[in-house]
PDB file of N, CA and C in Angstrom:
ATOM      1  N   MET A   1     146.898  62.796 -17.742  1.00  0.00           N
ATOM      2  CA  MET A   1     147.812  63.822 -17.755  1.00  0.00           C
ATOM      3  C   MET A   1     148.262  63.670 -19.093  1.00  0.00           C
ATOM      4  N   ILE A   2     148.355  64.529 -19.969  1.00  0.00           N
ATOM      5  CA  ILE A   2     149.307  64.827 -21.229  1.00  0.00           C
ATOM      6  C   ILE A   2     150.759  64.673 -21.211  1.00  0.00           C
ATOM      7  N   HIS A   3     151.057  63.639 -21.760  1.00  0.00           N
ATOM      8  CA  HIS A   3     152.553  63.573 -21.578  1.00  0.00           C
ATOM      9  C   HIS A   3     153.452  64.390 -23.189  1.00  0.00           C
ATOM     10  N   GLU A   4     152.341  64.001 -24.081  1.00  0.00           N
ATOM     11  CA  GLU A   4     153.184  64.788 -25.516  1.00  0.00           C
ATOM     12  C   GLU A   4     151.920  65.732 -25.648  1.00  0.00           C
ATOM     13  N   PRO A   5     152.208  67.053 -26.321  1.00  0.00           N
ATOM     14  CA  PRO A   5     153.447  67.747 -25.775  1.00  0.00           C
ATOM     15  C   PRO A   5     153.217  68.220 -24.620  1.00  0.00           C
ATOM     16  N   PRO A   6     155.083  68.416 -24.492  1.00  0.00           N
ATOM     17  CA  PRO A   6     155.226  68.295 -23.380  1.00  0.00           C
ATOM     18  C   PRO A   6     154.710  70.069 -22.024  1.00  0.00           C
ATOM     19  N   VAL A   7     154.082  69.872 -21.022  1.00  0.00           N
ATOM     20  CA  VAL A   7     152.741  70.164 -20.694  1.00  0.00           C
ATOM     21  C   VAL A   7     154.857  71.842 -20.867  1.00  0.00           C
ATOM     22  N   ASP A   8     155.523  71.848 -20.206  1.00  0.00           N
ATOM     23  CA  ASP A   8     156.550  72.706 -20.336  1.00  0.00           C
ATOM     24  C   ASP A   8     155.859  74.039 -21.432  1.00  0.00           C
ATOM     25  N   LYS A   9     156.523  73.753 -22.069  1.00  0.00           N
ATOM     26  CA  LYS A   9     156.347  74.492 -23.361  1.00  0.00           C
ATOM     27  C   LYS A   9     155.203  74.375 -23.691  1.00  0.00           C
ATOM     28  N   LEU A  10     153.787  74.023 -23.194  1.00  0.00           N
ATOM     29  CA  LEU A  10     152.192  74.476 -23.486  1.00  0.00           C
ATOM     30  C   LEU A  10     151.990  76.105 -22.416  1.00  0.00           C
ATOM     31  N   VAL A  11     152.734  75.822 -21.536  1.00  0.00           N
ATOM     32  CA  VAL A  11     153.001  76.863 -20.583  1.00  0.00           C
ATOM     33  C   VAL A  11     153.586  77.860 -20.939  1.00  0.00           C
ATOM     34  N   GLU A  12     154.583  77.964 -21.750  1.00  0.00           N
ATOM     35  CA  GLU A  12     155.080  78.814 -22.080  1.00  0.00           C
ATOM     36  C   GLU A  12     154.030  79.680 -23.006  1.00  0.00           C
ATOM     37  N   LYS A  13     153.495  78.819 -24.170  1.00  0.00           N
ATOM     38  CA  LYS A  13     152.894  79.368 -24.784  1.00  0.00           C
ATOM     39  C   LYS A  13     151.995  80.436 -24.568  1.00  0.00           C
ATOM     40  N   THR A  14     150.724  79.834 -22.999  1.00  0.00           N
ATOM     41  CA  THR A  14     149.621  80.236 -22.581  1.00  0.00           C
ATOM     42  C   THR A  14     150.275  81.344 -21.457  1.00  0.00           C
ATOM     43  N   GLY A  15     150.656  80.893 -20.711  1.00  0.00           N
ATOM     44  CA  GLY A  15     151.273  81.843 -19.587  1.00  0.00           C
ATOM     45  C   GLY A  15     151.465  81.196 -17.645  1.00  0.00           C
ATOM     46  N   SER A  16     150.768  80.451 -18.279  1.00  0.00           N
ATOM     47  CA  SER A  16     150.388  79.866 -16.617  1.00  0.00           C
ATOM     48  C   SER A  16     149.479  78.084 -16.765  1.00  0.00           C
ATOM     49  N   ARG A  17     149.744  77.943 -16.271  1.00  0.00           N
ATOM     50  CA  ARG A  17     149.181  75.708 -15.863  1.00  0.00           C
ATOM     51  C   ARG A  17     147.725  76.300 -16.193  1.00  0.00           C
ATOM     52  N   TYR A  18     147.281  77.118 -15.235  1.00  0.00           N
ATOM     53  CA  TYR A  18     145.643  77.394 -15.227  1.00  0.00           C
ATOM     54  C   TYR A  18     144.777  77.998 -16.976  1.00  0.00           C
ATOM     55  N   ALA A  19     145.547  78.910 -17.026  1.00  0.00           N
ATOM     56  CA  ALA A  19     144.951  79.215 -18.708  1.00  0.00           C
ATOM     57  C   ALA A  19     145.251  78.420 -20.309  1.00  0.00           C
ATOM     58  N   LEU A  20     146.471  77.167 -19.288  1.00  0.00           N
ATOM     59  CA  LEU A  20     146.352  76.239 -20.234  1.00  0.00           C
ATOM     60  C   LEU A  20     145.602  75.355 -19.824  1.00  0.00           C
ATOM     61  N   CYS A  21     145.223  75.295 -19.083  1.00  0.00           N
ATOM     62  CA  CYS A  21     143.792  74.246 -18.250  1.00  0.00           C
ATOM     63  C   CYS A  21     142.787  74.790 -19.373  1.00  0.00           C
ATOM     64  N   ILE A  22     142.040  75.819 -18.721  1.00  0.00           N
ATOM     65  CA  ILE A  22     140.816  76.497 -19.877  1.00  0.00           C
ATOM     66  C   ILE A  22     141.033  76.494 -21.062  1.00  0.00           C
ATOM     67  N   VAL A  23     141.912  77.343 -21.458  1.00  0.00           N
ATOM     68  CA  VAL A  23     142.461  76.812 -23.147  1.00  0.00           C
ATOM     69  C   VAL A  23     141.970  75.794 -24.050  1.00  0.00           C
ATOM     70  N   ALA A  24     142.826  74.676 -23.438  1.00  0.00           N
ATOM     71  CA  ALA A  24     142.234  73.559 -24.019  1.00  0.00           C
ATOM     72  C   ALA A  24     141.407  72.745 -23.867  1.00  0.00           C
ATOM     73  N   ALA A  25     141.195  73.142 -22.937  1.00  0.00           N
ATOM     74  CA  ALA A  25     139.304  72.564 -22.194  1.00  0.00           C
ATOM     75  C   ALA A  25     138.334  72.978 -22.878  1.00  0.00           C
ATOM     76  N   LYS A  26     138.247  74.182 -23.221  1.00  0.00           N
ATOM     77  CA  LYS A  26     137.863  75.109 -24.307  1.00  0.00           C
ATOM     78  C   LYS A  26     137.618  75.050 -25.801  1.00  0.00           C
ATOM     79  N   ARG A  27     138.983  74.528 -25.411  1.00  0.00           N
ATOM     80  CA  ARG A  27     139.067  74.209 -27.105  1.00  0.00           C
ATOM     81  C   ARG A  27     138.848  72.520 -27.727  1.00  0.00           C
ATOM     82  N   ALA A  28     139.266  71.661 -26.995  1.00  0.00           N
ATOM     83  CA  ALA A  28     138.939  70.431 -26.558  1.00  0.00           C
ATOM     84  C   ALA A  28     137.237  70.261 -26.988  1.00  0.00           C
ATOM     85  N   ARG A  29     136.637  70.870 -26.320  1.00  0.00           N
ATOM     86  CA  ARG A  29     134.739  71.401 -26.188  1.00  0.00           C
ATOM     87  C   ARG A  29     134.175  71.668 -27.984  1.00  0.00           C
ATOM     88  N   GLN A  30     134.849  72.580 -27.879  1.00  0.00           N
ATOM     89  CA  GLN A  30     135.001  73.075 -29.669  1.00  0.00           C
ATOM     90  C   GLN A  30     135.031  72.011 -30.385  1.00  0.00           C
ATOM     91  N   LEU A  31     136.240  70.852 -30.064  1.00  0.00           N
ATOM     92  CA  LEU A  31     136.159  69.711 -31.551  1.00  0.00           C
ATOM     93  C   LEU A  31     135.436  69.140 -31.611  1.00  0.00           C
ATOM     94  N   ILE A  32     134.820  68.617 -30.485  1.00  0.00           N
ATOM     95  CA  ILE A  32     133.605  67.495 -29.906  1.00  0.00           C
ATOM     96  C   ILE A  32     132.512  68.010 -30.497  1.00  0.00           C
ATOM     97  N   ASP A  33     132.369  68.775 -30.571  1.00  0.00           N
ATOM     98  CA  ASP A  33     130.912  69.669 -31.169  1.00  0.00           C
ATOM     99  C   ASP A  33     131.894  69.792 -32.322  1.00  0.00           C
ATOM    100  N   ASP A  34     132.143  70.758 -33.059  1.00  0.00           N
ATOM    101  CA  ASP A  34     131.888  70.071 -34.224  1.00  0.00           C
ATOM    102  C   ASP A  34     132.119  68.708 -35.234  1.00  0.00           C
ATOM    103  N   ALA A  35     132.717  68.131 -34.994  1.00  0.00           N
ATOM    104  CA  ALA A  35     132.338  67.168 -34.719  1.00  0.00           C
ATOM    105  C   ALA A  35     130.454  66.194 -34.729  1.00  0.00           C
ATOM    106  N   GLN A  36     130.216  66.223 -33.544  1.00  0.00           N
ATOM    107  CA  GLN A  36     129.255  65.831 -33.534  1.00  0.00           C
ATOM    108  C   GLN A  36     128.060  66.483 -34.407  1.00  0.00           C
ATOM    109  N   ASN A  37     128.014  67.664 -34.572  1.00  0.00           N
ATOM    110  CA  ASN A  37     127.319  68.753 -35.595  1.00  0.00           C
ATOM    111  C   ASN A  37     127.753  68.416 -37.028  1.00  0.00           C
ATOM    112  N   ARG A  38     128.581  67.750 -37.405  1.00  0.00           N
ATOM    113  CA  ARG A  38     128.715  66.932 -38.654  1.00  0.00           C
ATOM    114  C   ARG A  38     128.716  65.417 -38.419  1.00  0.00           C
ATOM    115  N   GLY A  39     127.757  65.162 -37.559  1.00  0.00           N
ATOM    116  CA  GLY A  39     126.974  64.051 -37.470  1.00  0.00           C
ATOM    117  C   GLY A  39     128.728  62.322 -37.486  1.00  0.00           C
ATOM    118  N   LEU A  40     129.400  62.992 -36.461  1.00  0.00           N
ATOM    119  CA  LEU A  40     130.392  62.192 -36.571  1.00  0.00           C
ATOM    120  C   LEU A  40     130.060  61.685 -34.842  1.00  0.00           C
ATOM    121  N   THR A  41     130.965  61.031 -34.702  1.00  0.00           N
ATOM    122  CA  THR A  41     131.022  59.908 -33.346  1.00  0.00           C
ATOM    123  C   THR A  41     132.381  60.606 -32.531  1.00  0.00           C
ATOM    124  N   GLU A  42     133.423  60.858 -33.483  1.00  0.00           N
ATOM    125  CA  GLU A  42     135.167  60.942 -32.978  1.00  0.00           C
ATOM    126  C   GLU A  42     134.996  62.023 -33.091  1.00  0.00           C
ATOM    127  N   ILE A  43     136.355  63.074 -33.161  1.00  0.00           N
ATOM    128  CA  ILE A  43     136.724  63.747 -33.866  1.00  0.00           C
ATOM    129  C   ILE A  43     138.192  62.987 -35.042  1.00  0.00           C
ATOM    130  N   PRO A  44     137.747  63.662 -36.733  1.00  0.00           N
ATOM    131  CA  PRO A  44     138.805  62.854 -36.845  1.00  0.00           C
ATOM    132  C   PRO A  44     140.423  63.654 -36.720  1.00  0.00           C
ATOM    133  N   GLY A  45     140.820  62.298 -36.761  1.00  0.00           N
ATOM    134  CA  GLY A  45     142.532  62.115 -36.551  1.00  0.00           C
ATOM    135  C   GLY A  45     142.964  61.113 -35.956  1.00  0.00           C
ATOM    136  N   PRO A  46     144.347  61.046 -35.218  1.00  0.00           N
ATOM    137  CA  PRO A  46     144.782  59.972 -34.301  1.00  0.00           C
ATOM    138  C   PRO A  46     144.460  60.246 -33.064  1.00  0.00           C
ATOM    139  N   TYR A  47     143.976  61.226 -32.387  1.00  0.00           N
ATOM    140  CA  TYR A  47     144.399  62.156 -31.405  1.00  0.00           C
ATOM    141  C   TYR A  47     143.283  62.106 -30.663  1.00  0.00           C
ATOM    142  N   LYS A  48     142.933  61.953 -28.402  1.00  0.00           N
ATOM    143  CA  LYS A  48     141.458  61.952 -28.462  1.00  0.00           C
ATOM    144  C   LYS A  48     141.797  63.814 -28.307  1.00  0.00           C
ATOM    145  N   PRO A  49     140.401  64.553 -27.818  1.00  0.00           N
ATOM    146  CA  PRO A  49     140.566  65.939 -28.043  1.00  0.00           C
ATOM    147  C   PRO A  49     141.495  66.910 -26.954  1.00  0.00           C
ATOM    148  N   ILE A  50     141.452  66.192 -26.004  1.00  0.00           N
ATOM    149  CA  ILE A  50     142.273  67.118 -25.308  1.00  0.00           C
ATOM    150  C   ILE A  50     143.624  67.368 -25.718  1.00  0.00           C
ATOM    151  N   THR A  51     143.870  66.293 -26.738  1.00  0.00           N
ATOM    152  CA  THR A  51     146.046  66.060 -26.998  1.00  0.00           C
ATOM    153  C   THR A  51     145.372  67.325 -28.139  1.00  0.00           C
ATOM    154  N   ALA A  52     144.833  66.661 -29.338  1.00  0.00           N
ATOM    155  CA  ALA A  52     144.678  67.686 -30.582  1.00  0.00           C
ATOM    156  C   ALA A  52     144.179  69.202 -29.798  1.00  0.00           C
ATOM    157  N   ALA A  53     143.677  69.346 -29.240  1.00  0.00           N
ATOM    158  CA  ALA A  53     143.985  70.815 -28.575  1.00  0.00           C
ATOM    159  C   ALA A  53     144.865  71.703 -28.258  1.00  0.00           C
ATOM    160  N   ALA A  54     146.065  70.375 -27.431  1.00  0.00           N
ATOM    161  CA  ALA A  54     147.115  70.538 -26.640  1.00  0.00           C
ATOM    162  C   ALA A  54     148.283  71.309 -28.295  1.00  0.00           C
ATOM    163  N   TYR A  55     148.507  69.895 -29.178  1.00  0.00           N
ATOM    164  CA  TYR A  55     148.783  70.103 -30.414  1.00  0.00           C
ATOM    165  C   TYR A  55     148.739  71.575 -31.193  1.00  0.00           C
ATOM    166  N   GLU A  56     147.634  71.875 -30.930  1.00  0.00           N
ATOM    167  CA  GLU A  56     147.016  73.215 -31.377  1.00  0.00           C
ATOM    168  C   GLU A  56     147.203  74.291 -30.440  1.00  0.00           C
ATOM    169  N   ILE A  57     147.588  74.507 -29.069  1.00  0.00           N
ATOM    170  CA  ILE A  57     147.821  75.446 -28.781  1.00  0.00           C
ATOM    171  C   ILE A  57     149.972  75.470 -28.800  1.00  0.00           C
ATOM    172  N   LEU A  58     150.723  74.419 -28.944  1.00  0.00           N
ATOM    173  CA  LEU A  58     151.785  74.054 -29.216  1.00  0.00           C
ATOM    174  C   LEU A  58     152.341  74.799 -30.517  1.00  0.00           C
ATOM    175  N   GLU A  59     150.995  74.223 -31.990  1.00  0.00           N
ATOM    176  CA  GLU A  59     151.708  75.026 -32.998  1.00  0.00           C
ATOM    177  C   GLU A  59     151.108  76.451 -33.028  1.00  0.00           C
ATOM    178  N   GLY A  60     150.698  76.466 -32.169  1.00  0.00           N
ATOM    179  CA  GLY A  60     150.428  78.418 -32.558  1.00  0.00           C
ATOM    180  C   GLY A  60     149.500  78.498 -33.089  1.00  0.00           C
ATOM    181  N   ARG A  61     148.495  77.075 -33.802  1.00  0.00           N
ATOM    182  CA  ARG A  61     146.991  77.517 -34.164  1.00  0.00           C
ATOM    183  C   ARG A  61     146.029  78.051 -33.509  1.00  0.00           C
ATOM    184  N   VAL A  62     146.145  77.924 -31.628  1.00  0.00           N
ATOM    185  CA  VAL A  62     144.727  78.744 -30.798  1.00  0.00           C
ATOM    186  C   VAL A  62     145.549  80.215 -30.328  1.00  0.00           C
ATOM    187  N   SER A  63     145.106  81.452 -30.479  1.00  0.00           N
ATOM    188  CA  SER A  63     145.481  82.289 -29.941  1.00  0.00           C
ATOM    189  C   SER A  63     145.383  82.117 -28.525  1.00  0.00           C
ATOM    190  N   VAL A  64     145.873  82.235 -27.489  1.00  0.00           N
ATOM    191  CA  VAL A  64     145.691  82.804 -26.296  1.00  0.00           C
ATOM    192  C   VAL A  64     146.106  84.321 -25.551  1.00  0.00           C
ATOM    193  N   ALA A  65     145.306  84.744 -25.056  1.00  0.00           N
ATOM    194  CA  ALA A  65     145.899  85.909 -24.474  1.00  0.00           C
ATOM    195  C   ALA A  65     146.364  85.910 -23.314  1.00  0.00           C
ATOM    196  N   LYS A  66     147.751  86.885 -23.284  1.00  0.00           N
ATOM    197  CA  LYS A  66     148.155  86.933 -22.091  1.00  0.00           C
ATOM    198  C   LYS A  66     148.066  88.022 -21.092  1.00  0.00           C
ATOM    199  N   TYR A  67     147.801  87.818 -19.515  1.00  0.00           N
ATOM    200  CA  TYR A  67     147.408  88.808 -18.313  1.00  0.00           C
ATOM    201  C   TYR A  67     148.532  88.865 -17.413  1.00  0.00           C
TER     202      TYR A  67
END
């Protein structure tokens, strides 16, 4: 479970918990794939992929289509 950033703020950005789950998982997979393509065993930075994805959503660096 993600404690930081707060899930409530992430849900506001995505529109629902379901959308948050899908968007965060897809972005985390992209981060992992990108790191592997560059020959790295881990993504650069202090966070795990799912946490890095959550921060990107919170900061607005990942766009989310709300329906």
